[in-house]
Amino acid sequence: MESPTRPAAPSNDYSSITRATKLFALCAAVNSLNLGYDIGVNTGIAPLLEESMDLSETQVEIFIGSINLFAMVGSLASGYISDAYGRRGTFKVAAVGFV
């Protein structure tokens, strides 16, 4: 009886990582930084909003928490949107969301 052969170990050859792959990874990282910046800015203006718009603490908490909620909804929907509309269509959907 023959012994089963093991699959070859993955090589550590990083030559298959293209410039485009590195650019896309950089864009994803910058997007995360942008979300963190937005959360920080909104947290900083929360007392001003509370005072100027006569909001309760609960309303301000909902406002700040909604940023994370919509980020989660967007990340969960992104796969479906990109499959359904393609790359360009996904950019259009994202642009409408920012407007």
PDB file of N, CA and C in Angstrom:
ATOM      1  N   MET A   1       0.841  -1.168   0.000  1.00  0.00           N
ATOM      2  CA  MET A   1       0.000   0.000   0.000  1.00  0.00           C
ATOM      3  C   MET A   1       0.890   1.235   0.000  1.00  0.00           C
ATOM      4  N   GLU A   2       0.515   2.185  -0.827  1.00  0.00           N
ATOM      5  CA  GLU A   2       1.323   3.388  -0.944  1.00  0.00           C
ATOM      6  C   GLU A   2       0.941   4.390   0.133  1.00  0.00           C
ATOM      7  N   SER A   3       1.945   5.074   0.627  1.00  0.00           N
ATOM      8  CA  SER A   3       1.655   6.113   1.613  1.00  0.00           C
ATOM      9  C   SER A   3       1.196   7.370   0.889  1.00  0.00           C
ATOM     10  N   PRO A   4       0.199   8.043   1.453  1.00  0.00           N
ATOM     11  CA  PRO A   4      -0.286   9.265   0.781  1.00  0.00           C
ATOM     12  C   PRO A   4       0.801  10.337   0.789  1.00  0.00           C
ATOM     13  N   THR A   5       0.847  11.063  -0.284  1.00  0.00           N
ATOM     14  CA  THR A   5       1.845  12.138  -0.374  1.00  0.00           C
ATOM     15  C   THR A   5       1.260  13.402   0.232  1.00  0.00           C
ATOM     16  N   ARG A   6       2.122  14.107   0.869  1.00  0.00           N
ATOM     17  CA  ARG A   6       1.707  15.380   1.469  1.00  0.00           C
ATOM     18  C   ARG A   6       1.787  16.486   0.427  1.00  0.00           C
ATOM     19  N   PRO A   7       0.871  17.434   0.516  1.00  0.00           N
ATOM     20  CA  PRO A   7       0.970  18.563  -0.415  1.00  0.00           C
ATOM     21  C   PRO A   7       2.217  19.386  -0.101  1.00  0.00           C
ATOM     22  N   ALA A   8       2.718  19.999  -1.117  1.00  0.00           N
ATOM     23  CA  ALA A   8       3.925  20.813  -0.950  1.00  0.00           C
ATOM     24  C   ALA A   8       3.622  21.989  -0.030  1.00  0.00           C
ATOM     25  N   ALA A   9       4.591  22.323   0.785  1.00  0.00           N
ATOM     26  CA  ALA A   9       4.445  23.471   1.688  1.00  0.00           C
ATOM     27  C   ALA A   9       4.381  24.739   0.856  1.00  0.00           C
ATOM     28  N   PRO A  10       3.561  25.692   1.272  1.00  0.00           N
ATOM     29  CA  PRO A  10       3.494  26.937   0.503  1.00  0.00           C
ATOM     30  C   PRO A  10       4.838  27.651   0.547  1.00  0.00           C
ATOM     31  N   SER A  11       5.198  28.178  -0.597  1.00  0.00           N
ATOM     32  CA  SER A  11       6.469  28.887  -0.662  1.00  0.00           C
ATOM     33  C   SER A  11       6.293  30.298  -0.115  1.00  0.00           C
ATOM     34  N   ASN A  12       7.362  30.868   0.322  1.00  0.00           N
ATOM     35  CA  ASN A  12       7.350  32.235   0.827  1.00  0.00           C
ATOM     36  C   ASN A  12       7.780  33.198  -0.260  1.00  0.00           C
ATOM     37  N   ASP A  13       7.371  32.900  -1.475  1.00  0.00           N
ATOM     38  CA  ASP A  13       7.724  33.737  -2.606  1.00  0.00           C
ATOM     39  C   ASP A  13       6.719  34.878  -2.708  1.00  0.00           C
ATOM     40  N   TYR A  14       7.145  36.066  -2.387  1.00  0.00           N
ATOM     41  CA  TYR A  14       6.254  37.212  -2.413  1.00  0.00           C
ATOM     42  C   TYR A  14       6.299  37.941  -3.755  1.00  0.00           C
ATOM     43  N   SER A  15       6.910  37.346  -4.753  1.00  0.00           N
ATOM     44  CA  SER A  15       6.983  38.005  -6.051  1.00  0.00           C
ATOM     45  C   SER A  15       5.629  38.048  -6.735  1.00  0.00           C
ATOM     46  N   SER A  16       4.664  37.246  -6.272  1.00  0.00           N
ATOM     47  CA  SER A  16       3.338  37.257  -6.890  1.00  0.00           C
ATOM     48  C   SER A  16       2.475  38.403  -6.379  1.00  0.00           C
ATOM     49  N   ILE A  17       2.940  39.132  -5.382  1.00  0.00           N
ATOM     50  CA  ILE A  17       2.193  40.294  -4.893  1.00  0.00           C
ATOM     51  C   ILE A  17       2.518  41.470  -5.804  1.00  0.00           C
ATOM     52  N   THR A  18       1.509  41.898  -6.527  1.00  0.00           N
ATOM     53  CA  THR A  18       1.714  42.954  -7.510  1.00  0.00           C
ATOM     54  C   THR A  18       1.577  44.335  -6.888  1.00  0.00           C
ATOM     55  N   ARG A  19       1.920  45.335  -7.663  1.00  0.00           N
ATOM     56  CA  ARG A  19       1.757  46.711  -7.203  1.00  0.00           C
ATOM     57  C   ARG A  19       0.291  47.018  -6.949  1.00  0.00           C
ATOM     58  N   ALA A  20      -0.575  46.491  -7.800  1.00  0.00           N
ATOM     59  CA  ALA A  20      -2.010  46.738  -7.624  1.00  0.00           C
ATOM     60  C   ALA A  20      -2.491  46.164  -6.296  1.00  0.00           C
ATOM     61  N   THR A  21      -2.022  44.967  -5.935  1.00  0.00           N
ATOM     62  CA  THR A  21      -2.406  44.356  -4.672  1.00  0.00           C
ATOM     63  C   THR A  21      -1.950  45.214  -3.502  1.00  0.00           C
ATOM     64  N   LYS A  22      -0.742  45.713  -3.579  1.00  0.00           N
ATOM     65  CA  LYS A  22      -0.229  46.589  -2.524  1.00  0.00           C
ATOM     66  C   LYS A  22      -1.029  47.884  -2.451  1.00  0.00           C
ATOM     67  N   LEU A  23      -1.414  48.423  -3.609  1.00  0.00           N
ATOM     68  CA  LEU A  23      -2.209  49.648  -3.637  1.00  0.00           C
ATOM     69  C   LEU A  23      -3.578  49.414  -3.018  1.00  0.00           C
ATOM     70  N   PHE A  24      -4.215  48.296  -3.344  1.00  0.00           N
ATOM     71  CA  PHE A  24      -5.529  47.994  -2.779  1.00  0.00           C
ATOM     72  C   PHE A  24      -5.443  47.797  -1.268  1.00  0.00           C
ATOM     73  N   ALA A  25      -4.391  47.151  -0.799  1.00  0.00           N
ATOM     74  CA  ALA A  25      -4.208  46.974   0.649  1.00  0.00           C
ATOM     75  C   ALA A  25      -3.994  48.322   1.328  1.00  0.00           C
ATOM     76  N   LEU A  26      -3.250  49.200   0.688  1.00  0.00           N
ATOM     77  CA  LEU A  26      -3.038  50.543   1.230  1.00  0.00           C
ATOM     78  C   LEU A  26      -4.351  51.318   1.299  1.00  0.00           C
ATOM     79  N   CYS A  27      -5.162  51.220   0.257  1.00  0.00           N
ATOM     80  CA  CYS A  27      -6.464  51.909   0.250  1.00  0.00           C
ATOM     81  C   CYS A  27      -7.366  51.383   1.361  1.00  0.00           C
ATOM     82  N   ALA A  28      -7.366  50.083   1.575  1.00  0.00           N
ATOM     83  CA  ALA A  28      -8.182  49.511   2.658  1.00  0.00           C
ATOM     84  C   ALA A  28      -7.704  50.018   4.015  1.00  0.00           C
ATOM     85  N   ALA A  29      -6.389  50.112   4.184  1.00  0.00           N
ATOM     86  CA  ALA A  29      -5.843  50.600   5.456  1.00  0.00           C
ATOM     87  C   ALA A  29      -6.184  52.075   5.658  1.00  0.00           C
ATOM     88  N   VAL A  30      -6.087  52.878   4.607  1.00  0.00           N
ATOM     89  CA  VAL A  30      -6.397  54.301   4.711  1.00  0.00           C
ATOM     90  C   VAL A  30      -7.886  54.489   5.002  1.00  0.00           C
ATOM     91  N   ASN A  31      -8.732  53.629   4.431  1.00  0.00           N
ATOM     92  CA  ASN A  31     -10.167  53.711   4.707  1.00  0.00           C
ATOM     93  C   ASN A  31     -10.443  53.466   6.186  1.00  0.00           C
ATOM     94  N   SER A  32      -9.743  52.519   6.781  1.00  0.00           N
ATOM     95  CA  SER A  32      -9.909  52.268   8.215  1.00  0.00           C
ATOM     96  C   SER A  32      -9.449  53.464   9.041  1.00  0.00           C
ATOM     97  N   LEU A  33      -8.358  54.069   8.623  1.00  0.00           N
ATOM     98  CA  LEU A  33      -7.898  55.275   9.315  1.00  0.00           C
ATOM     99  C   LEU A  33      -8.928  56.394   9.200  1.00  0.00           C
ATOM    100  N   ASN A  34      -9.542  56.504   8.035  1.00  0.00           N
ATOM    101  CA  ASN A  34     -10.556  57.531   7.825  1.00  0.00           C
ATOM    102  C   ASN A  34     -11.750  57.319   8.744  1.00  0.00           C
ATOM    103  N   LEU A  35     -12.177  56.081   8.908  1.00  0.00           N
ATOM    104  CA  LEU A  35     -13.289  55.793   9.815  1.00  0.00           C
ATOM    105  C   LEU A  35     -12.915  56.170  11.249  1.00  0.00           C
ATOM    106  N   GLY A  36     -11.720  55.827  11.672  1.00  0.00           N
ATOM    107  CA  GLY A  36     -11.263  56.191  13.012  1.00  0.00           C
ATOM    108  C   GLY A  36     -11.206  57.695  13.203  1.00  0.00           C
ATOM    109  N   TYR A  37     -10.761  58.408  12.171  1.00  0.00           N
ATOM    110  CA  TYR A  37     -10.716  59.868  12.241  1.00  0.00           C
ATOM    111  C   TYR A  37     -12.124  60.435  12.376  1.00  0.00           C
ATOM    112  N   ASP A  38     -13.056  59.923  11.561  1.00  0.00           N
ATOM    113  CA  ASP A  38     -14.444  60.392  11.635  1.00  0.00           C
ATOM    114  C   ASP A  38     -15.044  60.165  13.012  1.00  0.00           C
ATOM    115  N   ILE A  39     -14.789  59.016  13.590  1.00  0.00           N
ATOM    116  CA  ILE A  39     -15.308  58.723  14.925  1.00  0.00           C
ATOM    117  C   ILE A  39     -14.713  59.702  15.941  1.00  0.00           C
ATOM    118  N   GLY A  40     -13.413  59.961  15.823  1.00  0.00           N
ATOM    119  CA  GLY A  40     -12.763  60.905  16.739  1.00  0.00           C
ATOM    120  C   GLY A  40     -13.309  62.312  16.609  1.00  0.00           C
ATOM    121  N   VAL A  41     -13.533  62.765  15.388  1.00  0.00           N
ATOM    122  CA  VAL A  41     -14.075  64.112  15.169  1.00  0.00           C
ATOM    123  C   VAL A  41     -15.489  64.205  15.729  1.00  0.00           C
ATOM    124  N   ASN A  42     -16.311  63.201  15.429  1.00  0.00           N
ATOM    125  CA  ASN A  42     -17.694  63.241  15.904  1.00  0.00           C
ATOM    126  C   ASN A  42     -17.775  63.149  17.424  1.00  0.00           C
ATOM    127  N   THR A  43     -16.863  62.410  18.027  1.00  0.00           N
ATOM    128  CA  THR A  43     -16.837  62.342  19.484  1.00  0.00           C
ATOM    129  C   THR A  43     -16.462  63.700  20.069  1.00  0.00           C
ATOM    130  N   GLY A  44     -15.554  64.393  19.397  1.00  0.00           N
ATOM    131  CA  GLY A  44     -15.141  65.710  19.874  1.00  0.00           C
ATOM    132  C   GLY A  44     -16.221  66.768  19.753  1.00  0.00           C
ATOM    133  N   ILE A  45     -17.065  66.656  18.728  1.00  0.00           N
ATOM    134  CA  ILE A  45     -18.108  67.671  18.561  1.00  0.00           C
ATOM    135  C   ILE A  45     -19.399  67.304  19.286  1.00  0.00           C
ATOM    136  N   ALA A  46     -19.450  66.135  19.889  1.00  0.00           N
ATOM    137  CA  ALA A  46     -20.671  65.686  20.578  1.00  0.00           C
ATOM    138  C   ALA A  46     -21.154  66.695  21.615  1.00  0.00           C
ATOM    139  N   PRO A  47     -20.277  67.233  22.467  1.00  0.00           N
ATOM    140  CA  PRO A  47     -20.786  68.225  23.443  1.00  0.00           C
ATOM    141  C   PRO A  47     -21.343  69.476  22.779  1.00  0.00           C
ATOM    142  N   LEU A  48     -20.737  69.885  21.674  1.00  0.00           N
ATOM    143  CA  LEU A  48     -21.235  71.062  20.966  1.00  0.00           C
ATOM    144  C   LEU A  48     -22.600  70.795  20.346  1.00  0.00           C
ATOM    145  N   LEU A  49     -22.765  69.612  19.763  1.00  0.00           N
ATOM    146  CA  LEU A  49     -24.069  69.242  19.205  1.00  0.00           C
ATOM    147  C   LEU A  49     -25.132  69.169  20.291  1.00  0.00           C
ATOM    148  N   GLU A  50     -24.730  68.579  21.404  1.00  0.00           N
ATOM    149  CA  GLU A  50     -25.677  68.433  22.515  1.00  0.00           C
ATOM    150  C   GLU A  50     -26.186  69.795  22.975  1.00  0.00           C
ATOM    151  N   GLU A  51     -25.272  70.731  23.048  1.00  0.00           N
ATOM    152  CA  GLU A  51     -25.642  72.063  23.528  1.00  0.00           C
ATOM    153  C   GLU A  51     -26.403  72.859  22.472  1.00  0.00           C
ATOM    154  N   SER A  52     -25.890  72.907  21.252  1.00  0.00           N
ATOM    155  CA  SER A  52     -26.491  73.777  20.228  1.00  0.00           C
ATOM    156  C   SER A  52     -27.805  73.239  19.685  1.00  0.00           C
ATOM    157  N   MET A  53     -27.976  71.922  19.663  1.00  0.00           N
ATOM    158  CA  MET A  53     -29.212  71.360  19.119  1.00  0.00           C
ATOM    159  C   MET A  53     -30.150  70.862  20.214  1.00  0.00           C
ATOM    160  N   ASP A  54     -29.772  71.126  21.454  1.00  0.00           N
ATOM    161  CA  ASP A  54     -30.574  70.728  22.615  1.00  0.00           C
ATOM    162  C   ASP A  54     -30.895  69.227  22.576  1.00  0.00           C
ATOM    163  N   LEU A  55     -29.843  68.423  22.405  1.00  0.00           N
ATOM    164  CA  LEU A  55     -29.995  66.967  22.361  1.00  0.00           C
ATOM    165  C   LEU A  55     -29.781  66.372  23.742  1.00  0.00           C
ATOM    166  N   SER A  56     -30.443  65.274  23.990  1.00  0.00           N
ATOM    167  CA  SER A  56     -30.205  64.560  25.247  1.00  0.00           C
ATOM    168  C   SER A  56     -28.942  63.715  25.091  1.00  0.00           C
ATOM    169  N   GLU A  57     -28.436  63.214  26.194  1.00  0.00           N
ATOM    170  CA  GLU A  57     -27.248  62.361  26.127  1.00  0.00           C
ATOM    171  C   GLU A  57     -27.527  61.100  25.319  1.00  0.00           C
ATOM    172  N   THR A  58     -28.732  60.581  25.430  1.00  0.00           N
ATOM    173  CA  THR A  58     -29.107  59.383  24.684  1.00  0.00           C
ATOM    174  C   THR A  58     -29.082  59.654  23.184  1.00  0.00           C
ATOM    175  N   GLN A  59     -29.583  60.797  22.759  1.00  0.00           N
ATOM    176  CA  GLN A  59     -29.581  61.140  21.342  1.00  0.00           C
ATOM    177  C   GLN A  59     -28.158  61.289  20.810  1.00  0.00           C
ATOM    178  N   VAL A  60     -27.281  61.870  21.601  1.00  0.00           N
ATOM    179  CA  VAL A  60     -25.881  62.008  21.184  1.00  0.00           C
ATOM    180  C   VAL A  60     -25.229  60.632  21.094  1.00  0.00           C
ATOM    181  N   GLU A  61     -25.513  59.755  22.037  1.00  0.00           N
ATOM    182  CA  GLU A  61     -24.961  58.396  22.003  1.00  0.00           C
ATOM    183  C   GLU A  61     -25.444  57.638  20.772  1.00  0.00           C
ATOM    184  N   ILE A  62     -26.702  57.818  20.411  1.00  0.00           N
ATOM    185  CA  ILE A  62     -27.226  57.171  19.205  1.00  0.00           C
ATOM    186  C   ILE A  62     -26.515  57.717  17.969  1.00  0.00           C
ATOM    187  N   PHE A  63     -26.284  59.023  17.936  1.00  0.00           N
ATOM    188  CA  PHE A  63     -25.577  59.638  16.810  1.00  0.00           C
ATOM    189  C   PHE A  63     -24.172  59.063  16.667  1.00  0.00           C
ATOM    190  N   ILE A  64     -23.434  59.010  17.755  1.00  0.00           N
ATOM    191  CA  ILE A  64     -22.059  58.500  17.710  1.00  0.00           C
ATOM    192  C   ILE A  64     -22.059  57.004  17.387  1.00  0.00           C
ATOM    193  N   GLY A  65     -22.966  56.251  17.987  1.00  0.00           N
ATOM    194  CA  GLY A  65     -23.031  54.816  17.731  1.00  0.00           C
ATOM    195  C   GLY A  65     -23.482  54.465  16.330  1.00  0.00           C
ATOM    196  N   SER A  66     -24.240  55.357  15.698  1.00  0.00           N
ATOM    197  CA  SER A  66     -24.728  55.074  14.351  1.00  0.00           C
ATOM    198  C   SER A  66     -23.584  54.996  13.347  1.00  0.00           C
ATOM    199  N   ILE A  67     -22.488  55.656  13.617  1.00  0.00           N
ATOM    200  CA  ILE A  67     -21.334  55.593  12.713  1.00  0.00           C
ATOM    201  C   ILE A  67     -20.846  54.149  12.613  1.00  0.00           C
ATOM    202  N   ASN A  68     -20.680  53.499  13.750  1.00  0.00           N
ATOM    203  CA  ASN A  68     -20.241  52.104  13.748  1.00  0.00           C
ATOM    204  C   ASN A  68     -21.299  51.188  13.152  1.00  0.00           C
ATOM    205  N   LEU A  69     -22.560  51.464  13.424  1.00  0.00           N
ATOM    206  CA  LEU A  69     -23.637  50.642  12.882  1.00  0.00           C
ATOM    207  C   LEU A  69     -23.636  50.688  11.359  1.00  0.00           C
ATOM    208  N   PHE A  70     -23.550  51.879  10.787  1.00  0.00           N
ATOM    209  CA  PHE A  70     -23.571  51.994   9.333  1.00  0.00           C
ATOM    210  C   PHE A  70     -22.293  51.454   8.701  1.00  0.00           C
ATOM    211  N   ALA A  71     -21.173  51.525   9.392  1.00  0.00           N
ATOM    212  CA  ALA A  71     -19.950  50.898   8.888  1.00  0.00           C
ATOM    213  C   ALA A  71     -20.117  49.381   8.827  1.00  0.00           C
ATOM    214  N   MET A  72     -20.769  48.811   9.837  1.00  0.00           N
ATOM    215  CA  MET A  72     -21.004  47.363   9.854  1.00  0.00           C
ATOM    216  C   MET A  72     -21.975  46.964   8.747  1.00  0.00           C
ATOM    217  N   VAL A  73     -23.050  47.719   8.584  1.00  0.00           N
ATOM    218  CA  VAL A  73     -24.023  47.420   7.528  1.00  0.00           C
ATOM    219  C   VAL A  73     -23.348  47.513   6.161  1.00  0.00           C
ATOM    220  N   GLY A  74     -22.540  48.529   5.972  1.00  0.00           N
ATOM    221  CA  GLY A  74     -21.839  48.685   4.700  1.00  0.00           C
ATOM    222  C   GLY A  74     -20.875  47.555   4.417  1.00  0.00           C
ATOM    223  N   SER A  75     -20.161  47.117   5.435  1.00  0.00           N
ATOM    224  CA  SER A  75     -19.208  46.027   5.207  1.00  0.00           C
ATOM    225  C   SER A  75     -19.933  44.713   4.935  1.00  0.00           C
ATOM    226  N   LEU A  76     -21.073  44.495   5.579  1.00  0.00           N
ATOM    227  CA  LEU A  76     -21.840  43.277   5.316  1.00  0.00           C
ATOM    228  C   LEU A  76     -22.481  43.297   3.930  1.00  0.00           C
ATOM    229  N   ALA A  77     -22.868  44.464   3.459  1.00  0.00           N
ATOM    230  CA  ALA A  77     -23.527  44.572   2.157  1.00  0.00           C
ATOM    231  C   ALA A  77     -22.549  44.691   0.997  1.00  0.00           C
ATOM    232  N   SER A  78     -21.290  44.967   1.267  1.00  0.00           N
ATOM    233  CA  SER A  78     -20.340  45.250   0.186  1.00  0.00           C
ATOM    234  C   SER A  78     -20.144  44.075  -0.761  1.00  0.00           C
ATOM    235  N   GLY A  79     -20.118  42.865  -0.251  1.00  0.00           N
ATOM    236  CA  GLY A  79     -19.951  41.702  -1.131  1.00  0.00           C
ATOM    237  C   GLY A  79     -21.104  41.543  -2.102  1.00  0.00           C
ATOM    238  N   TYR A  80     -22.324  41.666  -1.591  1.00  0.00           N
ATOM    239  CA  TYR A  80     -23.501  41.561  -2.452  1.00  0.00           C
ATOM    240  C   TYR A  80     -23.508  42.685  -3.486  1.00  0.00           C
ATOM    241  N   ILE A  81     -23.230  43.903  -3.047  1.00  0.00           N
ATOM    242  CA  ILE A  81     -23.274  45.053  -3.960  1.00  0.00           C
ATOM    243  C   ILE A  81     -22.234  44.899  -5.056  1.00  0.00           C
ATOM    244  N   SER A  82     -21.039  44.458  -4.709  1.00  0.00           N
ATOM    245  CA  SER A  82     -20.010  44.332  -5.739  1.00  0.00           C
ATOM    246  C   SER A  82     -20.303  43.170  -6.680  1.00  0.00           C
ATOM    247  N   ASP A  83     -20.921  42.106  -6.191  1.00  0.00           N
ATOM    248  CA  ASP A  83     -21.325  41.010  -7.085  1.00  0.00           C
ATOM    249  C   ASP A  83     -22.457  41.439  -8.008  1.00  0.00           C
ATOM    250  N   ALA A  84     -23.388  42.214  -7.477  1.00  0.00           N
ATOM    251  CA  ALA A  84     -24.561  42.601  -8.253  1.00  0.00           C
ATOM    252  C   ALA A  84     -24.275  43.718  -9.255  1.00  0.00           C
ATOM    253  N   TYR A  85     -23.448  44.690  -8.881  1.00  0.00           N
ATOM    254  CA  TYR A  85     -23.263  45.871  -9.712  1.00  0.00           C
ATOM    255  C   TYR A  85     -21.882  45.994 -10.334  1.00  0.00           C
ATOM    256  N   GLY A  86     -20.946  45.177  -9.943  1.00  0.00           N
ATOM    257  CA  GLY A  86     -19.597  45.290 -10.488  1.00  0.00           C
ATOM    258  C   GLY A  86     -18.813  46.398  -9.807  1.00  0.00           C
ATOM    259  N   ARG A  87     -17.587  46.561 -10.272  1.00  0.00           N
ATOM    260  CA  ARG A  87     -16.688  47.524  -9.639  1.00  0.00           C
ATOM    261  C   ARG A  87     -17.182  48.960  -9.780  1.00  0.00           C
ATOM    262  N   ARG A  88     -17.518  49.359 -10.983  1.00  0.00           N
ATOM    263  CA  ARG A  88     -17.957  50.744 -11.200  1.00  0.00           C
ATOM    264  C   ARG A  88     -19.285  51.025 -10.513  1.00  0.00           C
ATOM    265  N   GLY A  89     -20.193  50.074 -10.576  1.00  0.00           N
ATOM    266  CA  GLY A  89     -21.475  50.251  -9.918  1.00  0.00           C
ATOM    267  C   GLY A  89     -21.334  50.366  -8.415  1.00  0.00           C
ATOM    268  N   THR A  90     -20.393  49.619  -7.854  1.00  0.00           N
ATOM    269  CA  THR A  90     -20.146  49.693  -6.415  1.00  0.00           C
ATOM    270  C   THR A  90     -19.644  51.077  -6.020  1.00  0.00           C
ATOM    271  N   PHE A  91     -18.782  51.653  -6.847  1.00  0.00           N
ATOM    272  CA  PHE A  91     -18.311  53.014  -6.568  1.00  0.00           C
ATOM    273  C   PHE A  91     -19.470  54.011  -6.615  1.00  0.00           C
ATOM    274  N   LYS A  92     -20.394  53.804  -7.550  1.00  0.00           N
ATOM    275  CA  LYS A  92     -21.548  54.708  -7.652  1.00  0.00           C
ATOM    276  C   LYS A  92     -22.439  54.576  -6.417  1.00  0.00           C
ATOM    277  N   VAL A  93     -22.673  53.344  -5.986  1.00  0.00           N
ATOM    278  CA  VAL A  93     -23.490  53.135  -4.775  1.00  0.00           C
ATOM    279  C   VAL A  93     -22.820  53.775  -3.573  1.00  0.00           C
ATOM    280  N   ALA A  94     -21.501  53.627  -3.458  1.00  0.00           N
ATOM    281  CA  ALA A  94     -20.776  54.229  -2.325  1.00  0.00           C
ATOM    282  C   ALA A  94     -20.826  55.756  -2.398  1.00  0.00           C
ATOM    283  N   ALA A  95     -20.748  56.301  -3.598  1.00  0.00           N
ATOM    284  CA  ALA A  95     -20.800  57.755  -3.750  1.00  0.00           C
ATOM    285  C   ALA A  95     -22.159  58.297  -3.322  1.00  0.00           C
ATOM    286  N   VAL A  96     -23.221  57.585  -3.663  1.00  0.00           N
ATOM    287  CA  VAL A  96     -24.558  58.010  -3.242  1.00  0.00           C
ATOM    288  C   VAL A  96     -24.665  57.980  -1.711  1.00  0.00           C
ATOM    289  N   GLY A  97     -24.041  56.971  -1.105  1.00  0.00           N
ATOM    290  CA  GLY A  97     -24.057  56.891   0.359  1.00  0.00           C
ATOM    291  C   GLY A  97     -23.345  58.043   1.034  1.00  0.00           C
ATOM    292  N   PHE A  98     -22.327  58.586   0.391  1.00  0.00           N
ATOM    293  CA  PHE A  98     -21.585  59.698   0.994  1.00  0.00           C
ATOM    294  C   PHE A  98     -22.289  61.024   0.789  1.00  0.00           C
ATOM    295  N   VAL A  99     -23.122  61.110  -0.231  1.00  0.00           N
ATOM    296  CA  VAL A  99     -23.836  62.357  -0.505  1.00  0.00           C
ATOM    297  C   VAL A  99     -24.988  62.443   0.433  1.00  0.00           C
TER     298      VAL A  99
END
